[in-house]
Amino acid sequence: MDRYRTTTALPYAHLDRATSALRAQLGGIVAADGWNAADWETLRIVGPVETYGPHGVIHYEYEGSVRPRRLTALPNREVGSRR
């Protein structure tokens, strides 16, 4: 996978809140993978883009993406074992 992507919409334009929401969503998506971690240095936020909701209300959509970083496996060790 090249990048993990997600979107969020707010009732007002606010980059800091959108970034926080997107980081939380992306962190959950990457954690569910199990073999990757998010490389937060590659985080990209695009927006806001004005869209209209079902009742004509303006929403501000943001898209976030991040590249995965492969986790390295730790060696298996028995509890209490000395090497």
C-alpha atoms as a PDB file:
ATOM      1  CA  MET A   1       0.000   0.000   0.000  1.00  0.00           C
ATOM      2  CA  ASP A   2       1.378   3.358  -1.013  1.00  0.00           C
ATOM      3  CA  ARG A   3      -0.616   5.602   1.363  1.00  0.00           C
ATOM      4  CA  TYR A   4      -3.441   5.311   3.864  1.00  0.00           C
ATOM      5  CA  ARG A   5      -6.223   7.854   3.168  1.00  0.00           C
ATOM      6  CA  THR A   6      -9.279   9.156   4.991  1.00  0.00           C
ATOM      7  CA  THR A   7     -11.557  12.207   4.984  1.00  0.00           C
ATOM      8  CA  THR A   8     -13.415  14.308   7.500  1.00  0.00           C
ATOM      9  CA  ALA A   9     -15.993  17.096   7.240  1.00  0.00           C
ATOM     10  CA  LEU A  10     -16.554  20.005   9.610  1.00  0.00           C
ATOM     11  CA  PRO A  11     -19.340  22.611   9.739  1.00  0.00           C
ATOM     12  CA  TYR A  12     -16.657  25.336   9.665  1.00  0.00           C
ATOM     13  CA  ALA A  13     -13.155  25.715   8.199  1.00  0.00           C
ATOM     14  CA  HIS A  14     -10.626  24.814  10.898  1.00  0.00           C
ATOM     15  CA  LEU A  15      -7.342  23.203   9.826  1.00  0.00           C
ATOM     16  CA  ASP A  16      -6.141  22.310  13.341  1.00  0.00           C
ATOM     17  CA  ARG A  17      -9.328  20.422  14.228  1.00  0.00           C
ATOM     18  CA  ALA A  18      -9.373  18.681  10.862  1.00  0.00           C
ATOM     19  CA  THR A  19      -5.727  17.645  11.272  1.00  0.00           C
ATOM     20  CA  SER A  20      -6.437  16.243  14.731  1.00  0.00           C
ATOM     21  CA  ALA A  21      -9.448  14.257  13.493  1.00  0.00           C
ATOM     22  CA  LEU A  22      -7.562  12.931  10.456  1.00  0.00           C
ATOM     23  CA  ARG A  23      -4.544  11.887  12.553  1.00  0.00           C
ATOM     24  CA  ALA A  24      -6.825   9.954  14.892  1.00  0.00           C
ATOM     25  CA  GLN A  25      -8.579   8.203  12.000  1.00  0.00           C
ATOM     26  CA  LEU A  26      -5.330   7.413  10.185  1.00  0.00           C
ATOM     27  CA  GLY A  27      -3.703   6.153  13.383  1.00  0.00           C
ATOM     28  CA  GLY A  28      -6.595   3.721  13.896  1.00  0.00           C
ATOM     29  CA  ILE A  29      -6.478   2.500  10.293  1.00  0.00           C
ATOM     30  CA  VAL A  30      -2.727   1.916  10.389  1.00  0.00           C
ATOM     31  CA  ALA A  31      -2.871   0.239  13.823  1.00  0.00           C
ATOM     32  CA  ALA A  32      -5.514  -2.189  12.548  1.00  0.00           C
ATOM     33  CA  ASP A  33      -3.039  -3.346   9.896  1.00  0.00           C
ATOM     34  CA  GLY A  34      -0.705  -4.733  12.546  1.00  0.00           C
ATOM     35  CA  TRP A  35       2.457  -4.802  10.395  1.00  0.00           C
ATOM     36  CA  ASN A  36       2.781  -1.089   9.724  1.00  0.00           C
ATOM     37  CA  ALA A  37       3.019   2.131  11.665  1.00  0.00           C
ATOM     38  CA  ALA A  38       2.232   5.604  10.406  1.00  0.00           C
ATOM     39  CA  ASP A  39       5.197   7.669   9.247  1.00  0.00           C
ATOM     40  CA  TRP A  40       3.851  11.001  10.510  1.00  0.00           C
ATOM     41  CA  GLU A  41       6.555  12.940   8.664  1.00  0.00           C
ATOM     42  CA  THR A  42       4.666  12.061   5.445  1.00  0.00           C
ATOM     43  CA  LEU A  43       1.274  13.351   6.680  1.00  0.00           C
ATOM     44  CA  ARG A  44      -0.550  15.404   4.023  1.00  0.00           C
ATOM     45  CA  ILE A  45      -3.722  17.391   4.595  1.00  0.00           C
ATOM     46  CA  VAL A  46      -5.712  18.747   1.639  1.00  0.00           C
ATOM     47  CA  GLY A  47      -8.597  21.166   2.087  1.00  0.00           C
ATOM     48  CA  PRO A  48     -10.865  22.689   2.966  1.00  0.00           C
ATOM     49  CA  VAL A  49     -13.182  22.016   0.054  1.00  0.00           C
ATOM     50  CA  GLU A  50     -16.675  23.489   0.402  1.00  0.00           C
ATOM     51  CA  THR A  51     -19.473  20.968  -0.181  1.00  0.00           C
ATOM     52  CA  TYR A  52     -23.181  21.021   0.479  1.00  0.00           C
ATOM     53  CA  GLY A  53     -24.838  18.569   2.826  1.00  0.00           C
ATOM     54  CA  PRO A  54     -28.234  16.951   2.254  1.00  0.00           C
ATOM     55  CA  HIS A  55     -30.120  20.000   3.606  1.00  0.00           C
ATOM     56  CA  GLY A  56     -28.077  22.615   1.750  1.00  0.00           C
ATOM     57  CA  VAL A  57     -25.726  23.287   4.668  1.00  0.00           C
ATOM     58  CA  ILE A  58     -22.102  23.994   3.745  1.00  0.00           C
ATOM     59  CA  HIS A  59     -19.517  21.522   5.032  1.00  0.00           C
ATOM     60  CA  TYR A  60     -15.749  21.836   4.793  1.00  0.00           C
ATOM     61  CA  GLU A  61     -14.105  18.590   3.751  1.00  0.00           C
ATOM     62  CA  TYR A  62     -10.477  17.684   4.361  1.00  0.00           C
ATOM     63  CA  GLU A  63      -8.515  14.679   3.112  1.00  0.00           C
ATOM     64  CA  GLY A  64      -5.559  13.253   4.974  1.00  0.00           C
ATOM     65  CA  SER A  65      -3.005  10.685   3.915  1.00  0.00           C
ATOM     66  CA  VAL A  66       0.095   9.121   5.403  1.00  0.00           C
ATOM     67  CA  ARG A  67       2.663   6.587   4.202  1.00  0.00           C
ATOM     68  CA  PRO A  68       3.120   3.379   6.176  1.00  0.00           C
ATOM     69  CA  ARG A  69       6.376   2.455   7.853  1.00  0.00           C
ATOM     70  CA  ARG A  70       7.032  -1.291   8.126  1.00  0.00           C
ATOM     71  CA  LEU A  71       7.410  -2.545  11.689  1.00  0.00           C
ATOM     72  CA  THR A  72      10.299  -4.876  12.356  1.00  0.00           C
ATOM     73  CA  ALA A  73       9.553  -7.989  14.347  1.00  0.00           C
ATOM     74  CA  LEU A  74      11.143  -8.345  17.752  1.00  0.00           C
ATOM     75  CA  PRO A  75      12.927 -11.633  18.486  1.00  0.00           C
ATOM     76  CA  ASN A  76      10.903 -14.174  20.476  1.00  0.00           C
ATOM     77  CA  ARG A  77      12.234 -14.665  23.979  1.00  0.00           C
ATOM     78  CA  GLU A  78      10.954 -16.815  26.766  1.00  0.00           C
ATOM     79  CA  VAL A  79      10.049 -15.112  30.011  1.00  0.00           C
ATOM     80  CA  GLY A  80      12.947 -15.375  32.461  1.00  0.00           C
ATOM     81  CA  SER A  81      15.408 -16.583  29.827  1.00  0.00           C
ATOM     82  CA  ARG A  82      18.927 -15.145  29.907  1.00  0.00           C
ATOM     83  CA  ARG A  83      21.113 -14.886  26.857  1.00  0.00           C
END
